[in-house]
C-alpha atoms as a PDB file:
ATOM      1  CA  UNK A   1      86.296 136.191 -80.932  1.00  0.00           C
ATOM      2  CA  UNK A   2      86.020 132.814 -79.577  1.00  0.00           C
ATOM      3  CA  UNK A   3      83.372 130.474 -81.179  1.00  0.00           C
ATOM      4  CA  UNK A   4      80.903 129.193 -78.529  1.00  0.00           C
ATOM      5  CA  UNK A   5      79.958 125.503 -78.899  1.00  0.00           C
ATOM      6  CA  UNK A   6      77.048 123.740 -77.574  1.00  0.00           C
ATOM      7  CA  UNK A   7      79.248 121.777 -75.148  1.00  0.00           C
ATOM      8  CA  UNK A   8      80.457 125.061 -73.663  1.00  0.00           C
ATOM      9  CA  UNK A   9      76.814 126.192 -73.027  1.00  0.00           C
ATOM     10  CA  UNK A  10      75.918 122.998 -71.407  1.00  0.00           C
ATOM     11  CA  UNK A  11      79.018 123.145 -69.216  1.00  0.00           C
ATOM     12  CA  UNK A  12      77.791 126.738 -68.073  1.00  0.00           C
ATOM     13  CA  UNK A  13      74.508 125.492 -67.230  1.00  0.00           C
ATOM     14  CA  UNK A  14      75.817 122.768 -65.370  1.00  0.00           C
ATOM     15  CA  UNK A  15      78.156 125.260 -63.366  1.00  0.00           C
ATOM     16  CA  UNK A  16      75.086 127.359 -62.576  1.00  0.00           C
ATOM     17  CA  UNK A  17      73.036 124.523 -61.283  1.00  0.00           C
ATOM     18  CA  UNK A  18      76.129 123.394 -58.877  1.00  0.00           C
ATOM     19  CA  UNK A  19      76.287 126.925 -57.715  1.00  0.00           C
ATOM     20  CA  UNK A  20      72.517 126.918 -56.731  1.00  0.00           C
ATOM     21  CA  UNK A  21      72.906 123.538 -55.064  1.00  0.00           C
ATOM     22  CA  UNK A  22      75.931 124.926 -53.011  1.00  0.00           C
ATOM     23  CA  UNK A  23      74.074 128.277 -52.379  1.00  0.00           C
ATOM     24  CA  UNK A  24      70.988 126.622 -50.962  1.00  0.00           C
ATOM     25  CA  UNK A  25      72.776 123.448 -49.295  1.00  0.00           C
ATOM     26  CA  UNK A  26      70.682 121.821 -46.538  1.00  0.00           C
ATOM     27  CA  UNK A  27      67.424 123.414 -48.132  1.00  0.00           C
ATOM     28  CA  UNK A  28      65.085 121.281 -50.222  1.00  0.00           C
ATOM     29  CA  UNK A  29      65.637 123.154 -53.882  1.00  0.00           C
ATOM     30  CA  UNK A  30      64.803 121.260 -56.870  1.00  0.00           C
ATOM     31  CA  UNK A  31      64.997 124.049 -59.426  1.00  0.00           C
ATOM     32  CA  UNK A  32      67.641 124.044 -62.205  1.00  0.00           C
ATOM     33  CA  UNK A  33      68.360 125.578 -65.405  1.00  0.00           C
ATOM     34  CA  UNK A  34      68.566 123.740 -68.633  1.00  0.00           C
ATOM     35  CA  UNK A  35      69.600 124.537 -72.197  1.00  0.00           C
ATOM     36  CA  UNK A  36      67.340 123.645 -75.136  1.00  0.00           C
ATOM     37  CA  UNK A  37      68.334 124.082 -78.742  1.00  0.00           C
ATOM     38  CA  UNK A  38      65.014 124.569 -80.801  1.00  0.00           C
ATOM     39  CA  UNK A  39      63.565 126.472 -83.725  1.00  0.00           C
ATOM     40  CA  UNK A  40      67.104 127.532 -84.658  1.00  0.00           C
ATOM     41  CA  UNK A  41      67.780 129.130 -81.437  1.00  0.00           C
ATOM     42  CA  UNK A  42      68.933 128.533 -78.032  1.00  0.00           C
ATOM     43  CA  UNK A  43      66.551 128.788 -75.094  1.00  0.00           C
ATOM     44  CA  UNK A  44      67.277 128.742 -71.426  1.00  0.00           C
ATOM     45  CA  UNK A  45      64.506 127.383 -69.260  1.00  0.00           C
ATOM     46  CA  UNK A  46      63.848 126.970 -65.478  1.00  0.00           C
ATOM     47  CA  UNK A  47      62.810 123.597 -64.359  1.00  0.00           C
ATOM     48  CA  UNK A  48      61.382 122.477 -61.096  1.00  0.00           C
ATOM     49  CA  UNK A  49      62.077 118.660 -60.906  1.00  0.00           C
ATOM     50  CA  UNK A  50      60.817 117.693 -64.622  1.00  0.00           C
ATOM     51  CA  UNK A  51      58.427 120.415 -65.129  1.00  0.00           C
ATOM     52  CA  UNK A  52      59.335 123.560 -66.961  1.00  0.00           C
ATOM     53  CA  UNK A  53      58.594 126.631 -65.129  1.00  0.00           C
ATOM     54  CA  UNK A  54      59.422 129.258 -67.708  1.00  0.00           C
ATOM     55  CA  UNK A  55      61.705 130.284 -70.301  1.00  0.00           C
ATOM     56  CA  UNK A  56      64.344 132.475 -69.088  1.00  0.00           C
ATOM     57  CA  UNK A  57      65.602 133.887 -72.131  1.00  0.00           C
ATOM     58  CA  UNK A  58      66.166 132.908 -76.080  1.00  0.00           C
ATOM     59  CA  UNK A  59      69.152 133.836 -78.153  1.00  0.00           C
ATOM     60  CA  UNK A  60      72.418 132.970 -79.917  1.00  0.00           C
ATOM     61  CA  UNK A  61      74.840 130.694 -78.507  1.00  0.00           C
ATOM     62  CA  UNK A  62      76.967 133.734 -77.451  1.00  0.00           C
ATOM     63  CA  UNK A  63      73.933 135.486 -75.745  1.00  0.00           C
ATOM     64  CA  UNK A  64      72.911 132.481 -73.682  1.00  0.00           C
ATOM     65  CA  UNK A  65      76.404 131.835 -72.707  1.00  0.00           C
ATOM     66  CA  UNK A  66      76.946 135.419 -71.679  1.00  0.00           C
ATOM     67  CA  UNK A  67      73.570 134.945 -69.808  1.00  0.00           C
ATOM     68  CA  UNK A  68      74.769 131.917 -67.869  1.00  0.00           C
ATOM     69  CA  UNK A  69      78.055 133.695 -67.048  1.00  0.00           C
ATOM     70  CA  UNK A  70      76.083 136.698 -65.497  1.00  0.00           C
ATOM     71  CA  UNK A  71      74.110 134.060 -63.730  1.00  0.00           C
ATOM     72  CA  UNK A  72      77.298 132.382 -62.079  1.00  0.00           C
ATOM     73  CA  UNK A  73      78.635 136.114 -61.126  1.00  0.00           C
ATOM     74  CA  UNK A  74      75.510 136.875 -59.450  1.00  0.00           C
ATOM     75  CA  UNK A  75      75.205 133.771 -57.494  1.00  0.00           C
ATOM     76  CA  UNK A  76      78.947 134.191 -56.399  1.00  0.00           C
ATOM     77  CA  UNK A  77      78.436 137.652 -55.391  1.00  0.00           C
ATOM     78  CA  UNK A  78      75.356 136.928 -53.294  1.00  0.00           C
ATOM     79  CA  UNK A  79      77.629 134.597 -51.333  1.00  0.00           C
ATOM     80  CA  UNK A  80      80.073 137.321 -50.514  1.00  0.00           C
ATOM     81  CA  UNK A  81      79.835 138.822 -47.072  1.00  0.00           C
END
């Protein structure tokens, strides 16, 4: 099984944020996800601007990477007609 790095998780979060921005082009949308490494775990938080709205999930690097991948697939599927 491939080892998941912090860089890969941050890249996936960046990809999710790009998809969110494309999905809502032309609309004012200042929400984004941000990865945080805290208390020996990895957390995925939702932000509006600089304010954290909520923690979406907490887990291992692999669990967060899988969650971010699922978010990307969901966003892509929602665009298909």
